[in-house]
Protein backbone atom coordinates (compact mmCIF):
# COMPACT_ATOMS: atom_id res chain seq x y z
CA MET A 1 -28.51 36.87 17.06
CA LEU A 2 -30.24 40.12 17.89
CA VAL A 3 -27.98 41.90 15.44
CA SER A 4 -29.98 40.22 12.66
CA TYR A 5 -32.79 42.74 12.95
CA PRO A 6 -30.64 45.83 12.30
CA LEU A 7 -28.87 43.96 9.50
CA ALA A 8 -32.22 43.12 7.91
CA HIS A 9 -33.15 46.79 8.08
CA LEU A 10 -29.87 47.71 6.37
CA PHE A 11 -30.50 45.06 3.70
CA THR A 12 -33.89 46.54 2.81
CA ARG A 13 -32.20 49.93 2.34
CA LEU A 14 -29.73 48.62 -0.24
CA PRO A 15 -30.67 49.70 -3.78
CA HIS A 16 -32.37 47.13 -6.01
CA SER A 17 -30.55 48.60 -8.99
CA GLN A 18 -27.26 47.18 -7.67
CA PRO A 19 -27.82 43.46 -7.11
CA TRP A 20 -24.08 42.83 -6.69
CA LEU A 21 -24.16 44.97 -3.54
CA ARG A 22 -27.08 42.99 -2.10
CA HIS A 23 -25.32 39.70 -2.93
CA LEU A 24 -22.11 40.92 -1.32
CA PHE A 25 -24.04 41.93 1.80
CA ASN A 26 -25.65 38.47 2.01
CA ILE A 27 -22.30 36.74 1.60
CA GLY A 28 -20.74 38.95 4.26
CA VAL A 29 -23.49 38.42 6.81
CA SER A 30 -23.58 34.66 6.17
CA THR A 31 -19.81 34.45 6.54
CA PHE A 32 -19.99 36.43 9.77
CA TYR A 33 -22.56 34.06 11.26
CA LEU A 34 -21.02 30.81 10.03
CA LEU A 35 -17.43 31.65 10.94
CA GLY A 36 -17.66 34.27 13.66
CA VAL A 37 -20.68 33.16 15.63
CA PHE A 38 -21.10 29.42 15.04
CA HIS A 39 -17.46 28.51 14.19
CA LEU A 40 -18.55 26.24 11.33
CA TYR A 41 -15.35 26.42 9.31
CA LEU A 42 -15.75 23.16 7.40
CA GLY A 43 -19.43 23.85 6.85
CA TRP A 44 -18.58 27.25 5.39
CA LEU A 45 -15.95 25.70 3.13
CA GLN A 46 -18.38 23.02 1.97
CA LEU A 47 -21.01 25.68 1.25
CA VAL A 48 -18.55 27.80 -0.76
CA VAL A 49 -17.24 24.87 -2.81
CA SER A 50 -20.75 23.58 -3.46
CA SER A 51 -21.99 27.02 -4.50
CA ILE A 52 -19.08 27.67 -6.84
CA ALA A 53 -19.35 24.24 -8.45
CA THR A 54 -23.10 24.62 -8.90
CA TYR A 55 -22.60 28.05 -10.48
CA VAL A 56 -19.91 26.77 -12.85
CA ILE A 57 -21.99 23.75 -13.91
CA ALA A 58 -25.09 25.87 -14.48
CA LYS A 59 -23.18 28.53 -16.42
CA TYR A 60 -21.05 26.38 -18.70
CA TYR A 61 -22.98 23.12 -19.13
CA LYS A 62 -25.58 24.20 -21.68
CA ASN A 63 -27.66 21.07 -22.03
CA GLN A 64 -31.15 19.91 -21.23
CA HIS A 65 -29.72 17.64 -18.55
CA MET A 66 -27.97 20.45 -16.65
CA PRO A 67 -30.45 20.42 -13.73
CA TRP A 68 -29.90 16.70 -13.28
CA VAL A 69 -26.13 17.12 -13.36
CA VAL A 70 -26.31 19.80 -10.67
CA PHE A 71 -28.70 17.69 -8.59
CA THR A 72 -26.42 14.68 -8.86
CA TYR A 73 -23.39 16.71 -7.87
CA VAL A 74 -25.03 18.37 -4.90
CA SER A 75 -26.91 15.40 -3.48
CA VAL A 76 -24.63 12.48 -4.28
CA LEU A 77 -21.03 13.18 -5.16
CA ARG A 78 -20.35 16.20 -2.94
CA SER A 79 -21.83 14.65 0.17
CA ALA A 80 -20.10 11.33 -0.51
CA LEU A 81 -16.73 13.00 -0.85
CA CYS A 82 -17.26 15.20 2.20
CA ASN A 83 -18.35 12.33 4.44
CA GLY A 84 -15.67 9.91 3.27
CA VAL A 85 -18.22 7.31 2.21
CA ASN A 86 -17.79 5.16 -0.88
CA ILE A 87 -19.44 6.88 -3.85
CA LEU A 88 -20.83 3.63 -5.24
CA CYS A 89 -22.40 2.84 -1.87
CA ARG A 90 -23.96 6.31 -1.81
CA LEU A 91 -25.34 5.89 -5.32
CA VAL A 92 -26.90 2.55 -4.50
CA MET A 93 -28.20 3.15 -0.99
CA GLY A 94 -28.93 6.84 -0.87
CA HIS A 95 -28.02 9.44 1.71
CA MET A 96 -31.18 9.32 3.84
CA PHE A 97 -31.15 5.53 4.15
CA MET A 98 -27.50 5.53 5.17
CA MET A 99 -28.27 8.09 7.88
CA TYR A 100 -31.23 5.94 9.00
CA VAL A 101 -29.15 2.77 9.40
CA GLY A 102 -26.28 4.66 11.03
CA LEU A 103 -23.59 4.48 8.36
CA ILE A 104 -23.42 8.29 8.42
CA PRO A 105 -23.63 9.79 11.90
CA LEU A 106 -26.18 12.50 12.56
CA LEU A 107 -24.44 15.60 13.83
């Protein structure tokens, strides 16, 4: 974890005129920590799939309801599919309540 400080110093030295380089640096460092240090392989996969789906929805769904579609995907459908819980149950009860009553285990 101490390597974060030198990496933060390197990040501040990256040029602002090239945002793709800064984004690539962030993705690389995040991947290093999630996979190499914490061994969160499924968490990394869930983060990548969620990020790509959110980007695609926001880019191609040009409608006034786009924020609600993204919110619904991220908070309801994605977590229901990843946890193997019935989607209808998730829609009715909500994620936090299901964690409270123990239907979804806290990790």
